[in-house]
Amino acid sequence: MHDLIDTDEADAAAERFWPEGFKRIIREEVSKLIVDELKQGNSFQQIYEERFSDKYPDFDRFLERIANMVGIGAENGADDAFDDIHAAFQMETPLPDSMEYAHHLWPQGLNTETKRRLHQSVIEEYSQERYYQRQYKNANEDWSGRYSDLGRFLNEVAQLVVAGAVNGADDMLEEIYRAFMHSGPLPPARRRPKRLKIW
């Protein structure tokens, strides 16, 4: 039997990931917004006492867990938006429409200022990506100059990511409320691995 060379370290060093600095805004702001909203009027106090006091040492920790879950939902929603964007690039079709839900559950995960900061962060990060610069060029050639400049193209990308984050936060809240209604445990909330550049 031949010895196989371990290339894990070399392979890992060669991997390149899409920028995700924008997620820092989600992590820092979404959870804080949710906790602040939930603390007003002791929302969820009764459900905590009836069903979750044995799992969380105090009410604040329970609210922090819910807020963290909603933040993870927002991050995953942003990832879903990027999946849709990259699928459009691969199929050489226009970017999908930005489809933020018409109605949102309470508490809303992203306020106006957080959406603005997230939007700006995506534009700043992805304006440096040559792949996105090429996609902008291709989009203008294929769709009769739909975008007057790279900024407008990236603005549309950022709108999609913000809508994805808002929808992802809402999806997680829906799962949490469903768990409350059915007397089940809180749903799992896991961040996805970093998005690997593949081309």
Protein backbone atom coordinates (compact mmCIF):
# COMPACT_ATOMS: atom_id res chain seq x y z
CA MET A 1 0.00 0.00 0.00
CA HIS A 2 1.33 3.43 -0.93
CA ASP A 3 1.50 6.31 1.51
CA LEU A 4 -0.76 9.21 0.60
CA ILE A 5 0.61 12.70 0.95
CA ASP A 6 -1.38 14.88 3.33
CA THR A 7 -2.25 18.04 1.37
CA ASP A 8 -4.87 19.49 3.76
CA GLU A 9 -2.76 22.48 4.81
CA ALA A 10 -1.76 23.35 1.24
CA ASP A 11 -5.33 22.93 0.06
CA ALA A 12 -6.66 25.15 2.85
CA ALA A 13 -4.07 27.84 2.07
CA ALA A 14 -5.16 27.85 -1.59
CA GLU A 15 -8.86 28.27 -0.76
CA ARG A 16 -10.28 31.73 -1.26
CA PHE A 17 -13.49 32.95 0.29
CA TRP A 18 -15.97 35.67 -0.59
CA PRO A 19 -15.78 38.70 1.68
CA GLU A 20 -18.12 38.55 4.64
CA GLY A 21 -17.24 41.68 6.60
CA PHE A 22 -20.85 42.79 6.16
CA LYS A 23 -21.88 39.97 8.52
CA ARG A 24 -20.16 41.81 11.36
CA ILE A 25 -22.92 44.42 11.13
CA ILE A 26 -25.55 41.70 11.38
CA ARG A 27 -23.81 40.10 14.38
CA GLU A 28 -23.33 43.38 16.21
CA GLU A 29 -26.67 45.02 15.55
CA VAL A 30 -29.42 42.47 14.92
CA SER A 31 -29.08 40.64 18.24
CA LYS A 32 -28.98 43.92 20.17
CA LEU A 33 -32.11 45.20 18.38
CA ILE A 34 -33.99 41.99 19.12
CA VAL A 35 -33.00 41.87 22.80
CA ASP A 36 -33.95 45.53 23.29
CA GLU A 37 -37.38 44.93 21.73
CA LEU A 38 -38.04 41.74 23.67
CA LYS A 39 -37.08 43.28 27.00
CA GLN A 40 -39.74 45.96 26.66
CA GLY A 41 -42.80 44.74 28.48
CA ASN A 42 -41.09 41.44 29.42
CA SER A 43 -42.11 39.79 26.17
CA PHE A 44 -41.76 36.01 26.32
CA GLN A 45 -41.47 36.09 30.16
CA GLN A 46 -44.36 33.68 30.61
CA ILE A 47 -43.18 31.21 28.00
CA TYR A 48 -39.70 31.33 29.53
CA GLU A 49 -41.05 30.53 33.00
CA GLU A 50 -43.34 27.76 31.76
CA ARG A 51 -41.05 26.00 29.30
CA PHE A 52 -37.45 27.21 29.21
CA SER A 53 -36.40 28.18 32.76
CA ASP A 54 -34.79 24.75 33.26
CA LYS A 55 -32.62 25.21 30.12
CA TYR A 56 -31.56 28.84 30.58
CA PRO A 57 -30.37 30.13 33.96
CA ASP A 58 -32.21 33.43 33.65
CA PHE A 59 -34.62 35.30 31.40
CA ASP A 60 -31.91 37.52 29.91
CA ARG A 61 -29.94 34.49 28.69
CA PHE A 62 -33.10 33.13 27.08
CA LEU A 63 -33.69 36.42 25.25
CA GLU A 64 -30.02 36.54 24.18
CA ARG A 65 -30.37 33.03 22.73
CA ILE A 66 -33.46 34.03 20.73
CA ALA A 67 -31.74 37.21 19.52
CA ASN A 68 -28.63 35.26 18.51
CA MET A 69 -30.81 32.81 16.57
CA VAL A 70 -32.50 35.66 14.69
CA GLY A 71 -29.06 37.08 13.85
CA ILE A 72 -27.98 33.70 12.49
CA GLY A 73 -31.19 33.60 10.44
CA ALA A 74 -30.30 37.02 8.97
CA GLU A 75 -26.77 35.84 8.09
CA ASN A 76 -28.14 32.71 6.41
CA GLY A 77 -30.70 34.79 4.53
CA ALA A 78 -27.87 36.96 3.18
CA ASP A 79 -26.08 33.77 2.08
CA ASP A 80 -29.26 32.64 0.30
CA ALA A 81 -29.37 35.97 -1.55
CA PHE A 82 -25.77 35.51 -2.69
CA ASP A 83 -26.64 31.99 -3.87
CA ASP A 84 -29.43 33.48 -6.02
CA ILE A 85 -27.08 36.19 -7.34
CA HIS A 86 -24.40 33.67 -8.29
CA ALA A 87 -26.99 31.39 -9.89
CA ALA A 88 -28.07 34.33 -12.08
CA PHE A 89 -24.44 34.96 -13.03
CA GLN A 90 -23.93 31.32 -13.98
CA MET A 91 -27.13 31.17 -16.03
CA GLU A 92 -26.31 34.56 -17.58
CA THR A 93 -29.69 35.96 -16.60
CA PRO A 94 -30.52 39.32 -15.00
CA LEU A 95 -30.25 39.62 -11.25
CA PRO A 96 -33.40 38.38 -9.51
CA ASP A 97 -35.92 40.89 -8.20
CA SER A 98 -35.50 42.02 -4.61
CA MET A 99 -38.37 40.33 -2.82
CA GLU A 100 -38.56 41.41 0.81
CA TYR A 101 -41.59 39.96 2.58
CA ALA A 102 -44.65 42.23 2.57
CA HIS A 103 -45.26 41.73 6.30
CA HIS A 104 -42.77 41.03 9.05
CA LEU A 105 -43.08 39.30 12.37
CA TRP A 106 -42.34 41.15 15.57
CA PRO A 107 -39.68 42.06 16.52
CA GLN A 108 -38.17 43.17 13.24
CA GLY A 109 -34.55 42.06 12.98
CA LEU A 110 -33.16 44.96 10.96
CA ASN A 111 -34.13 48.58 11.41
CA THR A 112 -33.65 51.27 8.76
CA GLU A 113 -30.17 52.27 9.95
CA THR A 114 -28.93 48.66 10.11
CA LYS A 115 -30.24 48.04 6.59
CA ARG A 116 -28.44 51.16 5.37
CA ARG A 117 -25.14 50.15 6.98
CA LEU A 118 -25.42 46.59 5.69
CA HIS A 119 -26.19 47.86 2.19
CA GLN A 120 -23.16 50.17 2.21
CA SER A 121 -20.86 47.46 3.56
CA VAL A 122 -21.80 45.04 0.77
CA ILE A 123 -21.15 47.71 -1.87
CA GLU A 124 -17.76 48.59 -0.37
CA GLU A 125 -16.62 44.97 -0.11
CA TYR A 126 -17.82 43.73 -3.47
CA SER A 127 -16.70 46.76 -5.47
CA GLN A 128 -13.17 45.40 -4.98
CA GLU A 129 -14.02 41.96 -6.43
CA ARG A 130 -12.90 41.52 -10.04
CA TYR A 131 -15.51 38.81 -10.54
CA TYR A 132 -18.27 41.32 -9.79
CA GLN A 133 -16.64 43.90 -12.04
CA ARG A 134 -16.71 41.32 -14.88
CA GLN A 135 -20.32 40.43 -14.15
CA TYR A 136 -21.25 44.10 -14.33
CA LYS A 137 -19.56 44.36 -17.73
CA ASN A 138 -21.33 41.21 -18.96
CA ALA A 139 -24.68 42.44 -17.64
CA ASN A 140 -24.37 45.72 -19.54
CA GLU A 141 -23.41 43.95 -22.75
CA ASP A 142 -26.21 41.38 -22.47
CA TRP A 143 -29.00 43.68 -21.26
CA SER A 144 -28.51 46.85 -23.27
CA GLY A 145 -26.74 48.95 -20.67
CA ARG A 146 -29.17 48.22 -17.83
CA TYR A 147 -26.65 49.65 -15.35
CA SER A 148 -25.12 53.07 -16.02
CA ASP A 149 -22.14 52.26 -13.81
CA LEU A 150 -20.69 49.64 -11.47
CA GLY A 151 -22.19 51.45 -8.48
CA ARG A 152 -25.75 50.90 -9.74
CA PHE A 153 -25.04 47.24 -10.37
CA LEU A 154 -23.61 46.79 -6.88
CA ASN A 155 -26.51 48.78 -5.44
CA GLU A 156 -28.87 46.14 -6.83
CA VAL A 157 -26.67 43.34 -5.46
CA ALA A 158 -26.69 45.02 -2.03
CA GLN A 159 -30.49 45.44 -2.12
CA LEU A 160 -30.83 41.71 -2.72
CA VAL A 161 -28.50 40.89 0.18
CA VAL A 162 -30.33 43.23 2.57
CA ALA A 163 -33.71 41.74 1.56
CA GLY A 164 -32.24 38.27 2.07
CA ALA A 165 -31.04 39.19 5.56
CA VAL A 166 -34.43 40.67 6.50
CA ASN A 167 -36.25 37.60 5.18
CA GLY A 168 -33.80 35.25 6.91
CA ALA A 169 -34.39 36.96 10.26
CA ASP A 170 -38.14 36.67 9.70
CA ASP A 171 -37.85 32.99 8.75
CA MET A 172 -36.03 32.26 12.02
CA LEU A 173 -38.64 34.15 14.03
CA GLU A 174 -41.30 32.06 12.32
CA GLU A 175 -39.50 28.87 13.38
CA ILE A 176 -39.21 30.16 16.96
CA TYR A 177 -42.93 31.05 17.10
CA ARG A 178 -43.81 27.66 15.64
CA ALA A 179 -41.78 25.99 18.41
CA PHE A 180 -43.68 28.06 20.99
CA MET A 181 -47.05 27.12 19.50
CA HIS A 182 -46.27 23.41 19.33
CA SER A 183 -44.55 23.29 22.73
CA GLY A 184 -41.35 22.11 21.09
CA PRO A 185 -37.72 22.99 21.73
CA LEU A 186 -36.17 26.03 20.12
CA PRO A 187 -35.23 25.23 16.52
CA PRO A 188 -31.59 24.68 15.57
CA ALA A 189 -29.71 27.78 14.44
CA ARG A 190 -26.34 27.23 12.80
CA ARG A 191 -24.17 29.56 10.79
CA ARG A 192 -23.18 28.26 7.42
CA PRO A 193 -19.55 27.76 6.45
CA LYS A 194 -17.80 30.65 4.74
CA ARG A 195 -18.69 30.88 1.07
CA LEU A 196 -15.84 29.49 -1.00
CA LYS A 197 -14.91 31.13 -4.29
CA ILE A 198 -15.41 28.54 -7.01
CA TRP A 199 -14.87 29.36 -10.68
